[in-house]
């Protein structure tokens, strides 16, 4: 897995993690935006970057795991799915005790371009 960082004036503004899996799947994790930069499109920028990176690596099924609310991701096209929807290698490492919710989104370049038109900049 790799971590990516968005900076401004040498200050970390946002970061996110990308893990690649078999069969066209990728997991986005640790997506965080510095408090002072929230509601300014920085999370959308990081998500879009990670989604474009997925496409460049032939990964069109992107998923998120979290025990927290998923409203932000739901508003960006992620849908709740069952654990069985995860790629086999990720299912093996899924922690049943943690009971993370799984949200998934199928992406293509046309959807990304269209969604960016609606960002609150």
C-alpha atoms as a PDB file:
ATOM      1  CA  UNK A   1       0.000   0.000   0.000  1.00  0.00           C
ATOM      2  CA  UNK A   2       1.041   3.585  -0.628  1.00  0.00           C
ATOM      3  CA  UNK A   3       0.212   6.859   1.107  1.00  0.00           C
ATOM      4  CA  UNK A   4      -0.365  10.118  -0.761  1.00  0.00           C
ATOM      5  CA  UNK A   5      -0.183  13.613   0.688  1.00  0.00           C
ATOM      6  CA  UNK A   6      -1.679  16.940  -0.444  1.00  0.00           C
ATOM      7  CA  UNK A   7       0.350  19.911   0.767  1.00  0.00           C
ATOM      8  CA  UNK A   8       0.053  23.660   0.705  1.00  0.00           C
ATOM      9  CA  UNK A   9       2.987  25.896   1.683  1.00  0.00           C
ATOM     10  CA  UNK A  10       4.802  22.823   3.093  1.00  0.00           C
ATOM     11  CA  UNK A  11       1.822  22.012   5.331  1.00  0.00           C
ATOM     12  CA  UNK A  12       0.080  18.643   5.073  1.00  0.00           C
ATOM     13  CA  UNK A  13      -3.535  19.433   4.164  1.00  0.00           C
ATOM     14  CA  UNK A  14      -4.854  15.950   3.327  1.00  0.00           C
ATOM     15  CA  UNK A  15      -3.651  12.385   2.986  1.00  0.00           C
ATOM     16  CA  UNK A  16      -4.972   9.055   1.823  1.00  0.00           C
ATOM     17  CA  UNK A  17      -3.880   5.458   1.453  1.00  0.00           C
ATOM     18  CA  UNK A  18      -4.334   3.197  -1.558  1.00  0.00           C
ATOM     19  CA  UNK A  19      -4.084  -0.601  -1.407  1.00  0.00           C
ATOM     20  CA  UNK A  20      -4.302  -2.590  -4.632  1.00  0.00           C
ATOM     21  CA  UNK A  21      -5.959  -6.008  -4.807  1.00  0.00           C
ATOM     22  CA  UNK A  22      -6.656  -8.650  -7.416  1.00  0.00           C
ATOM     23  CA  UNK A  23      -9.482  -8.659  -9.965  1.00  0.00           C
ATOM     24  CA  UNK A  24      -9.653  -4.874 -10.446  1.00  0.00           C
ATOM     25  CA  UNK A  25     -10.161  -3.905  -6.778  1.00  0.00           C
ATOM     26  CA  UNK A  26      -8.526  -1.194  -4.672  1.00  0.00           C
ATOM     27  CA  UNK A  27      -9.093   0.006  -1.121  1.00  0.00           C
ATOM     28  CA  UNK A  28      -8.930   3.640  -0.069  1.00  0.00           C
ATOM     29  CA  UNK A  29      -8.057   4.136   3.567  1.00  0.00           C
ATOM     30  CA  UNK A  30      -6.853   6.760   6.017  1.00  0.00           C
ATOM     31  CA  UNK A  31      -8.454   9.609   4.051  1.00  0.00           C
ATOM     32  CA  UNK A  32      -8.021  12.599   6.331  1.00  0.00           C
ATOM     33  CA  UNK A  33      -8.237  16.369   5.824  1.00  0.00           C
ATOM     34  CA  UNK A  34      -6.696  18.865   8.224  1.00  0.00           C
ATOM     35  CA  UNK A  35      -9.474  20.496  10.255  1.00  0.00           C
ATOM     36  CA  UNK A  36      -8.811  24.025   8.972  1.00  0.00           C
ATOM     37  CA  UNK A  37      -9.186  22.856   5.351  1.00  0.00           C
ATOM     38  CA  UNK A  38     -12.397  20.842   5.635  1.00  0.00           C
ATOM     39  CA  UNK A  39     -15.422  21.938   3.576  1.00  0.00           C
ATOM     40  CA  UNK A  40     -13.072  23.453   0.988  1.00  0.00           C
ATOM     41  CA  UNK A  41     -12.943  20.571  -1.504  1.00  0.00           C
ATOM     42  CA  UNK A  42      -9.633  19.115  -0.282  1.00  0.00           C
ATOM     43  CA  UNK A  43     -11.211  15.743   0.562  1.00  0.00           C
ATOM     44  CA  UNK A  44     -12.807  15.676  -2.880  1.00  0.00           C
ATOM     45  CA  UNK A  45      -9.452  16.502  -4.455  1.00  0.00           C
ATOM     46  CA  UNK A  46      -7.712  13.672  -2.624  1.00  0.00           C
ATOM     47  CA  UNK A  47     -10.512  11.204  -3.402  1.00  0.00           C
ATOM     48  CA  UNK A  48     -10.456  12.167  -7.083  1.00  0.00           C
ATOM     49  CA  UNK A  49      -6.672  11.765  -7.198  1.00  0.00           C
ATOM     50  CA  UNK A  50      -6.895   8.304  -5.616  1.00  0.00           C
ATOM     51  CA  UNK A  51      -9.721   7.266  -7.957  1.00  0.00           C
ATOM     52  CA  UNK A  52      -7.730   8.408 -11.015  1.00  0.00           C
ATOM     53  CA  UNK A  53      -4.739   6.498  -9.695  1.00  0.00           C
ATOM     54  CA  UNK A  54      -6.952   3.405  -9.411  1.00  0.00           C
ATOM     55  CA  UNK A  55      -8.003   3.745 -13.035  1.00  0.00           C
ATOM     56  CA  UNK A  56      -4.397   4.158 -14.168  1.00  0.00           C
ATOM     57  CA  UNK A  57      -3.669   0.827 -12.459  1.00  0.00           C
ATOM     58  CA  UNK A  58      -6.726  -0.916 -14.012  1.00  0.00           C
ATOM     59  CA  UNK A  59      -8.659  -0.937 -10.729  1.00  0.00           C
ATOM     60  CA  UNK A  60     -12.257   0.147 -11.291  1.00  0.00           C
ATOM     61  CA  UNK A  61     -13.856  -1.273  -8.120  1.00  0.00           C
ATOM     62  CA  UNK A  62     -12.937   0.935  -5.168  1.00  0.00           C
ATOM     63  CA  UNK A  63     -13.955   0.174  -1.602  1.00  0.00           C
ATOM     64  CA  UNK A  64     -13.756   1.749   1.843  1.00  0.00           C
ATOM     65  CA  UNK A  65     -13.965   0.063   5.243  1.00  0.00           C
ATOM     66  CA  UNK A  66     -14.950   2.007   8.340  1.00  0.00           C
ATOM     67  CA  UNK A  67     -16.631   1.666  11.706  1.00  0.00           C
ATOM     68  CA  UNK A  68     -17.674   5.326  11.512  1.00  0.00           C
ATOM     69  CA  UNK A  69     -20.429   7.039   9.563  1.00  0.00           C
ATOM     70  CA  UNK A  70     -20.068   6.798   5.815  1.00  0.00           C
ATOM     71  CA  UNK A  71     -22.251   9.738   4.798  1.00  0.00           C
ATOM     72  CA  UNK A  72     -19.399  11.619   3.090  1.00  0.00           C
ATOM     73  CA  UNK A  73     -18.569   8.614   0.917  1.00  0.00           C
ATOM     74  CA  UNK A  74     -22.248   7.853   0.252  1.00  0.00           C
ATOM     75  CA  UNK A  75     -22.669  11.360  -1.124  1.00  0.00           C
ATOM     76  CA  UNK A  76     -19.828  10.582  -3.540  1.00  0.00           C
ATOM     77  CA  UNK A  77     -21.374   7.429  -4.984  1.00  0.00           C
ATOM     78  CA  UNK A  78     -20.209   4.698  -2.619  1.00  0.00           C
ATOM     79  CA  UNK A  79     -22.850   2.059  -1.795  1.00  0.00           C
ATOM     80  CA  UNK A  80     -23.006  -0.249   1.206  1.00  0.00           C
ATOM     81  CA  UNK A  81     -22.155  -3.843   0.247  1.00  0.00           C
ATOM     82  CA  UNK A  82     -21.647  -7.121   2.076  1.00  0.00           C
ATOM     83  CA  UNK A  83     -18.214  -8.296   3.181  1.00  0.00           C
ATOM     84  CA  UNK A  84     -18.539 -11.059   0.583  1.00  0.00           C
ATOM     85  CA  UNK A  85     -18.201  -8.359  -2.110  1.00  0.00           C
ATOM     86  CA  UNK A  86     -14.549  -7.779  -1.159  1.00  0.00           C
ATOM     87  CA  UNK A  87     -11.797  -9.426  -3.200  1.00  0.00           C
ATOM     88  CA  UNK A  88     -10.760 -12.823  -1.758  1.00  0.00           C
ATOM     89  CA  UNK A  89      -7.427 -11.682  -0.311  1.00  0.00           C
ATOM     90  CA  UNK A  90      -9.116  -8.776   1.518  1.00  0.00           C
ATOM     91  CA  UNK A  91     -11.911 -10.995   2.822  1.00  0.00           C
ATOM     92  CA  UNK A  92      -9.268 -13.206   4.443  1.00  0.00           C
ATOM     93  CA  UNK A  93      -7.889 -10.275   6.450  1.00  0.00           C
ATOM     94  CA  UNK A  94     -11.296  -8.739   7.322  1.00  0.00           C
ATOM     95  CA  UNK A  95     -11.666  -8.445  11.105  1.00  0.00           C
ATOM     96  CA  UNK A  96     -15.135  -9.710  12.092  1.00  0.00           C
ATOM     97  CA  UNK A  97     -14.733  -8.391  15.640  1.00  0.00           C
ATOM     98  CA  UNK A  98     -14.197  -4.854  14.370  1.00  0.00           C
ATOM     99  CA  UNK A  99     -17.313  -5.169  12.182  1.00  0.00           C
ATOM    100  CA  UNK A 100     -16.308  -2.465   9.713  1.00  0.00           C
ATOM    101  CA  UNK A 101     -18.911  -1.386   7.204  1.00  0.00           C
ATOM    102  CA  UNK A 102     -17.949  -1.910   3.569  1.00  0.00           C
ATOM    103  CA  UNK A 103     -18.818   0.662   0.906  1.00  0.00           C
ATOM    104  CA  UNK A 104     -17.930   0.222  -2.749  1.00  0.00           C
ATOM    105  CA  UNK A 105     -18.011   2.236  -5.952  1.00  0.00           C
ATOM    106  CA  UNK A 106     -17.399   1.279  -9.567  1.00  0.00           C
ATOM    107  CA  UNK A 107     -15.532   4.086 -11.308  1.00  0.00           C
ATOM    108  CA  UNK A 108     -14.733   5.096 -14.846  1.00  0.00           C
ATOM    109  CA  UNK A 109     -13.154   8.264 -16.197  1.00  0.00           C
ATOM    110  CA  UNK A 110     -16.422   9.773 -17.470  1.00  0.00           C
ATOM    111  CA  UNK A 111     -18.001   9.569 -14.007  1.00  0.00           C
ATOM    112  CA  UNK A 112     -14.992  11.260 -12.417  1.00  0.00           C
ATOM    113  CA  UNK A 113     -15.007  14.126 -14.885  1.00  0.00           C
ATOM    114  CA  UNK A 114     -18.735  14.735 -14.427  1.00  0.00           C
ATOM    115  CA  UNK A 115     -18.618  14.618 -10.617  1.00  0.00           C
ATOM    116  CA  UNK A 116     -15.836  17.199 -10.479  1.00  0.00           C
ATOM    117  CA  UNK A 117     -18.121  19.776 -12.027  1.00  0.00           C
ATOM    118  CA  UNK A 118     -20.186  19.789  -8.804  1.00  0.00           C
ATOM    119  CA  UNK A 119     -17.387  20.290  -6.296  1.00  0.00           C
ATOM    120  CA  UNK A 120     -17.708  23.150  -3.871  1.00  0.00           C
ATOM    121  CA  UNK A 121     -14.459  25.028  -4.442  1.00  0.00           C
END
